[in-house]
N, C-alpha and C. Protein backbone atom coordinates (compact mmCIF):
# COMPACT_ATOMS: atom_id res chain seq x y z
N MET A 1 1.01 -1.11 0.13
CA MET A 1 0.12 0.06 -0.02
C MET A 1 0.95 1.30 0.17
N THR A 2 0.57 2.28 -0.92
CA THR A 2 1.38 3.46 -0.84
C THR A 2 0.69 4.60 -0.39
N THR A 3 1.49 5.13 0.50
CA THR A 3 1.12 6.28 1.33
C THR A 3 1.62 7.49 0.75
N LEU A 4 0.91 8.80 0.93
CA LEU A 4 1.45 10.04 0.54
C LEU A 4 1.57 10.85 1.64
N PRO A 5 2.60 10.65 2.53
CA PRO A 5 2.85 11.29 3.96
C PRO A 5 2.93 12.78 3.48
N MET A 6 3.68 13.39 2.40
CA MET A 6 3.86 14.76 2.34
C MET A 6 2.48 15.40 1.71
N THR A 7 1.94 14.79 1.02
CA THR A 7 0.81 15.33 0.43
C THR A 7 -0.35 15.38 1.85
N SER A 8 -0.43 14.32 2.61
CA SER A 8 -1.23 14.47 3.54
C SER A 8 -0.90 15.54 4.48
N LEU A 9 0.47 15.57 4.91
CA LEU A 9 0.64 16.69 5.76
C LEU A 9 0.13 18.25 5.14
N PHE A 10 0.49 18.28 3.92
CA PHE A 10 -0.25 19.71 3.39
C PHE A 10 -1.48 19.67 3.17
N ALA A 11 -2.10 18.78 2.94
CA ALA A 11 -3.57 18.59 2.96
C ALA A 11 -4.41 19.04 4.32
N ALA A 12 -3.47 18.42 5.24
CA ALA A 12 -3.85 18.65 6.65
C ALA A 12 -3.75 20.17 6.91
N LEU A 13 -2.78 20.73 6.81
CA LEU A 13 -2.58 22.14 7.01
C LEU A 13 -3.14 23.13 6.06
N LEU A 14 -3.43 22.85 4.90
CA LEU A 14 -4.25 23.60 4.12
C LEU A 14 -5.87 23.52 4.43
N THR A 15 -6.12 22.23 4.99
CA THR A 15 -7.64 22.32 5.54
C THR A 15 -7.83 23.02 6.65
N LEU A 16 -6.56 23.27 7.86
CA LEU A 16 -6.96 24.13 8.79
C LEU A 16 -7.10 25.48 8.38
N LEU A 17 -6.30 25.99 7.31
CA LEU A 17 -6.52 27.22 6.65
C LEU A 17 -7.77 27.43 6.07
N TYR A 18 -8.36 26.52 5.49
CA TYR A 18 -9.61 26.75 4.84
C TYR A 18 -10.77 26.80 5.91
N ILE A 19 -10.58 26.18 6.94
CA ILE A 19 -11.54 26.35 8.14
C ILE A 19 -11.47 27.77 8.82
N VAL A 20 -10.40 28.35 9.08
CA VAL A 20 -9.97 29.70 9.36
C VAL A 20 -10.63 30.60 8.54
N LEU A 21 -10.60 30.30 7.00
CA LEU A 21 -11.20 31.31 6.37
C LEU A 21 -12.68 31.19 6.34
N ALA A 22 -13.22 29.93 6.64
CA ALA A 22 -14.81 29.92 6.66
C ALA A 22 -15.28 30.54 7.98
N ILE A 23 -14.25 30.38 9.13
CA ILE A 23 -14.89 30.88 10.16
C ILE A 23 -14.86 32.41 10.06
N ARG A 24 -13.78 33.05 9.41
CA ARG A 24 -14.03 34.47 9.12
C ARG A 24 -15.32 34.77 8.36
N ILE A 25 -15.71 34.07 7.43
CA ILE A 25 -17.18 34.44 6.70
C ILE A 25 -18.13 34.34 7.64
N ILE A 26 -18.09 33.47 8.64
CA ILE A 26 -19.36 33.14 9.69
C ILE A 26 -19.28 34.30 10.50
N ARG A 27 -18.21 34.56 10.97
CA ARG A 27 -18.05 36.03 12.12
C ARG A 27 -18.44 37.33 11.31
N LEU A 28 -18.21 37.50 9.98
CA LEU A 28 -18.50 38.67 9.36
C LEU A 28 -20.04 38.33 9.15
N ARG A 29 -20.56 37.34 8.66
CA ARG A 29 -21.99 37.21 8.50
C ARG A 29 -22.95 37.56 9.66
N TRP A 30 -22.24 37.26 10.90
CA TRP A 30 -23.10 37.61 12.34
C TRP A 30 -22.97 39.11 12.46
N ARG A 31 -21.62 39.58 12.39
CA ARG A 31 -21.41 40.94 12.67
C ARG A 31 -22.17 41.85 11.66
N GLU A 32 -22.32 41.58 10.32
CA GLU A 32 -22.98 42.37 9.27
C GLU A 32 -24.65 41.93 9.21
N ARG A 33 -24.73 40.93 9.72
CA ARG A 33 -26.09 40.59 9.83
C ARG A 33 -26.73 40.24 8.34
N VAL A 34 -25.82 39.40 7.69
CA VAL A 34 -26.18 38.88 6.48
C VAL A 34 -26.19 37.44 6.37
N GLY A 35 -27.44 36.99 6.17
CA GLY A 35 -27.62 35.44 6.07
C GLY A 35 -27.19 34.83 4.77
N ILE A 36 -27.43 35.35 3.65
CA ILE A 36 -27.42 34.73 2.38
C ILE A 36 -26.75 35.95 1.37
N GLY A 37 -25.64 35.53 0.51
CA GLY A 37 -24.87 36.56 -0.10
C GLY A 37 -24.04 37.34 0.66
N THR A 38 -23.64 38.47 0.25
CA THR A 38 -22.78 39.44 0.73
C THR A 38 -23.35 40.66 1.12
N GLY A 39 -24.66 40.94 0.75
CA GLY A 39 -25.32 42.32 1.18
C GLY A 39 -24.16 43.35 0.73
N GLU A 40 -24.36 44.39 1.41
CA GLU A 40 -23.30 45.60 0.86
C GLU A 40 -21.98 45.56 1.70
N SER A 41 -21.72 44.58 2.31
CA SER A 41 -20.39 44.48 3.15
C SER A 41 -19.27 44.16 2.27
N LEU A 42 -18.49 45.23 2.14
CA LEU A 42 -17.15 44.94 1.60
C LEU A 42 -16.24 44.02 2.14
N PRO A 43 -16.15 44.05 3.51
CA PRO A 43 -15.18 42.93 4.04
C PRO A 43 -15.85 41.45 3.83
N LEU A 44 -17.18 41.36 3.87
CA LEU A 44 -17.71 40.08 3.63
C LEU A 44 -17.34 39.68 2.35
N LYS A 45 -17.68 40.62 1.34
CA LYS A 45 -17.19 40.30 -0.20
C LYS A 45 -15.88 39.73 -0.32
N ALA A 46 -15.14 40.47 0.26
CA ALA A 46 -13.60 40.17 0.27
C ALA A 46 -13.37 38.84 0.81
N ALA A 47 -13.86 38.55 1.97
CA ALA A 47 -13.71 37.26 2.70
C ALA A 47 -14.42 35.89 1.83
N VAL A 48 -15.54 36.42 1.22
CA VAL A 48 -16.17 35.37 0.38
C VAL A 48 -15.32 34.90 -0.84
N ARG A 49 -14.58 35.96 -1.48
CA ARG A 49 -13.80 35.83 -2.63
C ARG A 49 -12.42 35.01 -2.11
N VAL A 50 -12.02 35.32 -0.94
CA VAL A 50 -10.62 34.79 -0.70
C VAL A 50 -10.98 33.15 -0.50
N HIS A 51 -12.10 33.00 0.17
CA HIS A 51 -12.54 31.51 0.59
C HIS A 51 -12.91 30.77 -0.85
N GLY A 52 -13.49 31.46 -1.86
CA GLY A 52 -13.97 30.96 -2.93
C GLY A 52 -12.63 30.65 -3.84
N ASN A 53 -11.61 31.76 -3.71
CA ASN A 53 -10.29 31.45 -4.54
C ASN A 53 -9.44 30.36 -4.02
N PHE A 54 -9.61 30.12 -2.95
CA PHE A 54 -8.84 29.13 -2.17
C PHE A 54 -9.29 27.76 -2.56
N SER A 55 -10.71 27.71 -2.68
CA SER A 55 -11.37 26.38 -3.19
C SER A 55 -11.32 26.03 -4.48
N GLU A 56 -10.83 27.15 -5.30
CA GLU A 56 -10.59 27.04 -6.86
C GLU A 56 -9.23 26.51 -6.95
N TYR A 57 -8.35 26.95 -6.16
CA TYR A 57 -7.05 26.56 -6.48
C TYR A 57 -6.44 25.48 -5.80
N VAL A 58 -6.62 25.47 -4.54
CA VAL A 58 -5.97 24.52 -3.67
C VAL A 58 -6.20 22.94 -4.05
N PRO A 59 -7.45 22.64 -4.35
CA PRO A 59 -7.49 21.19 -4.78
C PRO A 59 -6.73 20.60 -5.92
N LEU A 60 -6.51 21.69 -6.80
CA LEU A 60 -5.70 21.23 -8.17
C LEU A 60 -4.33 21.09 -7.39
N GLY A 61 -3.82 22.30 -6.60
CA GLY A 61 -2.47 22.01 -6.05
C GLY A 61 -2.21 20.65 -5.37
N LEU A 62 -3.15 20.29 -4.55
CA LEU A 62 -3.01 19.03 -3.85
C LEU A 62 -3.19 17.88 -4.70
N ILE A 63 -3.90 17.72 -5.88
CA ILE A 63 -3.84 16.71 -6.74
C ILE A 63 -2.37 16.59 -7.46
N LEU A 64 -2.05 17.70 -7.86
CA LEU A 64 -0.48 17.71 -8.47
C LEU A 64 0.49 17.33 -7.49
N LEU A 65 0.35 17.73 -6.18
CA LEU A 65 1.27 17.34 -5.08
C LEU A 65 1.27 15.82 -4.79
N GLY A 66 0.13 15.30 -4.79
CA GLY A 66 0.04 13.83 -4.63
C GLY A 66 0.46 13.06 -5.87
N LEU A 67 0.27 13.53 -6.87
CA LEU A 67 0.82 12.96 -8.14
C LEU A 67 2.49 12.94 -8.44
N MET A 68 2.90 14.15 -7.88
CA MET A 68 4.34 14.21 -8.03
C MET A 68 4.64 13.10 -6.83
N GLU A 69 4.26 13.19 -5.83
CA GLU A 69 4.66 12.08 -4.75
C GLU A 69 4.84 10.72 -5.23
N PHE A 70 3.27 10.35 -5.76
CA PHE A 70 3.32 9.10 -6.37
C PHE A 70 4.43 8.59 -7.33
N ASN A 71 4.65 9.71 -8.13
CA ASN A 71 5.65 9.34 -9.19
C ASN A 71 7.09 9.65 -8.59
N GLY A 72 7.44 9.61 -7.38
CA GLY A 72 8.70 9.70 -6.87
C GLY A 72 9.53 10.84 -6.70
N ALA A 73 8.77 12.03 -6.48
CA ALA A 73 9.37 13.37 -6.33
C ALA A 73 9.73 13.35 -4.84
N SER A 74 11.20 14.03 -4.70
CA SER A 74 11.86 14.07 -3.57
C SER A 74 11.13 14.60 -2.53
N ASP A 75 11.30 14.41 -1.20
CA ASP A 75 10.74 15.34 -0.02
C ASP A 75 11.19 16.60 -0.23
N THR A 76 12.23 17.02 -0.71
CA THR A 76 12.46 18.34 -0.80
C THR A 76 11.88 19.16 -1.57
N ILE A 77 11.62 18.65 -3.04
CA ILE A 77 10.51 19.16 -3.86
C ILE A 77 9.21 19.26 -3.55
N LEU A 78 8.63 18.30 -2.73
CA LEU A 78 7.42 18.02 -2.16
C LEU A 78 7.22 19.10 -1.09
N VAL A 79 8.21 19.51 -0.18
CA VAL A 79 8.04 20.44 0.80
C VAL A 79 8.04 21.67 0.21
N ALA A 80 8.97 21.91 -0.70
CA ALA A 80 9.07 23.20 -1.31
C ALA A 80 7.60 23.56 -2.08
N MET A 81 7.02 22.55 -3.07
CA MET A 81 5.81 22.81 -3.59
C MET A 81 4.50 23.00 -2.68
N GLY A 82 4.34 22.14 -1.57
CA GLY A 82 3.62 22.20 -0.63
C GLY A 82 3.63 23.56 0.18
N GLY A 83 4.78 23.73 0.67
CA GLY A 83 4.99 25.01 1.48
C GLY A 83 4.89 26.31 0.67
N LEU A 84 5.14 26.30 -0.69
CA LEU A 84 4.90 27.38 -1.49
C LEU A 84 3.27 27.63 -1.69
N LEU A 85 2.52 26.58 -1.92
CA LEU A 85 1.26 26.54 -1.89
C LEU A 85 0.58 27.20 -0.64
N LEU A 86 0.93 26.79 0.49
CA LEU A 86 0.50 27.15 1.72
C LEU A 86 0.70 28.59 2.07
N ILE A 87 2.08 29.02 1.92
CA ILE A 87 2.30 30.38 2.05
C ILE A 87 1.67 31.22 1.04
N ALA A 88 1.66 30.85 -0.34
CA ALA A 88 1.01 31.82 -1.11
C ALA A 88 -0.45 32.04 -0.91
N ARG A 89 -1.13 30.92 -0.45
CA ARG A 89 -2.53 31.04 0.02
C ARG A 89 -2.78 32.00 1.19
N ILE A 90 -1.88 32.02 2.22
CA ILE A 90 -1.90 33.00 3.46
C ILE A 90 -1.61 34.36 3.02
N PHE A 91 -0.68 34.52 2.17
CA PHE A 91 -0.47 35.85 1.52
C PHE A 91 -1.65 36.39 0.66
N HIS A 92 -2.22 35.57 -0.09
CA HIS A 92 -3.32 36.09 -0.88
C HIS A 92 -4.51 36.27 -0.08
N ALA A 93 -4.84 35.55 1.10
CA ALA A 93 -5.83 35.89 2.21
C ALA A 93 -5.56 37.47 2.74
N ILE A 94 -4.25 37.55 3.23
CA ILE A 94 -3.77 38.79 3.74
C ILE A 94 -4.01 39.91 2.81
N GLY A 95 -3.57 39.70 1.74
CA GLY A 95 -3.69 40.95 0.62
C GLY A 95 -5.08 41.23 0.37
N LEU A 96 -5.96 40.23 0.17
CA LEU A 96 -7.24 40.74 -0.37
C LEU A 96 -8.05 41.14 1.02
N THR A 97 -7.62 40.79 2.04
CA THR A 97 -8.29 41.16 3.28
C THR A 97 -8.02 42.69 3.57
N LYS A 98 -6.67 43.14 3.28
CA LYS A 98 -6.22 44.44 3.60
C LYS A 98 -6.56 45.36 2.46
N SER A 99 -6.78 44.97 1.29
CA SER A 99 -7.05 45.64 0.28
C SER A 99 -7.77 45.15 -0.72
N ILE A 100 -9.01 45.56 -1.27
CA ILE A 100 -9.78 44.77 -2.27
C ILE A 100 -9.09 45.06 -3.40
N GLY A 101 -8.23 46.11 -3.67
CA GLY A 101 -7.44 46.33 -4.96
C GLY A 101 -6.32 45.57 -4.91
N VAL A 102 -5.44 45.83 -5.79
CA VAL A 102 -4.12 45.05 -5.88
C VAL A 102 -3.15 45.50 -4.68
N SER A 103 -2.51 44.52 -3.80
CA SER A 103 -1.44 44.84 -3.11
C SER A 103 -0.47 43.67 -3.28
N ILE A 104 0.82 44.21 -2.52
CA ILE A 104 1.89 43.31 -2.59
C ILE A 104 1.70 41.99 -2.19
N TYR A 105 0.90 41.94 -0.97
CA TYR A 105 0.54 40.54 -0.49
C TYR A 105 -0.26 39.72 -1.47
N ARG A 106 -1.17 40.26 -2.03
CA ARG A 106 -2.06 39.53 -3.00
C ARG A 106 -1.18 39.00 -4.16
N THR A 107 -0.51 39.92 -4.56
CA THR A 107 0.56 39.69 -5.97
C THR A 107 1.49 38.43 -5.47
N ILE A 108 1.95 38.38 -4.37
CA ILE A 108 2.81 37.36 -3.93
C ILE A 108 1.99 36.12 -3.98
N GLY A 109 0.89 36.14 -3.42
CA GLY A 109 0.05 34.99 -3.27
C GLY A 109 -0.46 34.40 -4.60
N VAL A 110 -0.59 35.41 -5.46
CA VAL A 110 -1.12 34.72 -7.07
C VAL A 110 0.18 34.17 -7.61
N LEU A 111 1.18 34.86 -7.67
CA LEU A 111 2.46 34.53 -8.30
C LEU A 111 2.93 33.07 -7.55
N GLY A 112 2.86 33.00 -6.25
CA GLY A 112 3.27 31.76 -5.61
C GLY A 112 2.28 30.78 -5.96
N THR A 113 1.07 30.94 -6.13
CA THR A 113 0.11 29.87 -6.53
C THR A 113 0.43 29.32 -7.91
N PHE A 114 0.57 30.22 -8.92
CA PHE A 114 0.92 30.12 -10.17
C PHE A 114 2.11 29.34 -10.41
N SER A 115 3.07 29.76 -9.53
CA SER A 115 4.39 29.01 -9.61
C SER A 115 4.29 27.62 -9.25
N MET A 116 3.65 27.36 -8.07
CA MET A 116 3.70 26.05 -7.51
C MET A 116 2.86 25.33 -8.70
N LEU A 117 1.81 25.65 -9.24
CA LEU A 117 1.02 24.92 -10.35
C LEU A 117 1.76 24.59 -11.50
N LEU A 118 2.51 25.47 -11.98
CA LEU A 118 3.51 25.34 -13.09
C LEU A 118 4.63 24.44 -12.88
N VAL A 119 5.27 24.65 -11.68
CA VAL A 119 6.41 23.72 -11.49
C VAL A 119 6.03 22.31 -11.33
N SER A 120 4.81 22.29 -10.61
CA SER A 120 4.27 20.91 -10.37
C SER A 120 3.88 20.09 -11.66
N ALA A 121 3.21 20.94 -12.61
CA ALA A 121 2.82 20.47 -13.88
C ALA A 121 4.14 20.17 -14.85
N GLY A 122 5.23 20.95 -14.68
CA GLY A 122 6.45 20.59 -15.28
C GLY A 122 6.89 19.40 -14.91
N PHE A 123 6.94 19.16 -13.62
CA PHE A 123 7.56 18.04 -13.21
C PHE A 123 6.86 16.79 -13.58
N LEU A 124 5.61 16.84 -13.55
CA LEU A 124 4.76 15.69 -14.04
C LEU A 124 4.87 15.51 -15.65
N LEU A 125 5.02 16.53 -16.30
CA LEU A 125 5.14 16.41 -17.70
C LEU A 125 6.60 15.78 -18.06
N GLY A 126 7.53 16.34 -17.36
CA GLY A 126 8.94 15.67 -17.48
C GLY A 126 8.85 14.30 -17.29
N THR A 127 8.25 13.66 -15.97
CA THR A 127 8.21 12.51 -15.52
C THR A 127 7.34 11.55 -16.70
N TRP A 128 6.47 12.20 -17.43
CA TRP A 128 5.75 11.45 -18.17
C TRP A 128 6.69 11.34 -19.66
N LEU A 129 7.24 12.38 -20.09
CA LEU A 129 7.92 12.38 -21.18
C LEU A 129 9.41 11.51 -21.06
N SER A 130 9.85 11.29 -19.88
CA SER A 130 10.98 10.44 -19.53
C SER A 130 10.57 8.81 -19.37
N ALA A 131 9.34 8.46 -19.30
CA ALA A 131 8.87 7.30 -19.14
C ALA A 131 8.76 6.42 -20.40
């Protein structure tokens, strides 16, 4: 039986971050008294978007990480890619929370996420081409 310990570690850490982002939305809904949607609350709109963006990109990142681990990637590259995804998602959340517009944190978050996806996809393509 093959296990994926590095992917499991980052899946757990990213799940904790996902829960933190969800709790932020719940707290804002209570504070702003908005049951459905976002109402006129800019902080709630931003929190919903951070959470949504996380749920759009992180599953693909974890799938790529798992496939890399399954295909024999070293622990070093797995920690680098998993850590990059985790840090990028934290930066993105901070950046979008601080400013609905463009911020350095948000930019780092986007570039970090895209870098992780591109490097991981490149690794898998390279593995496929060398098979």
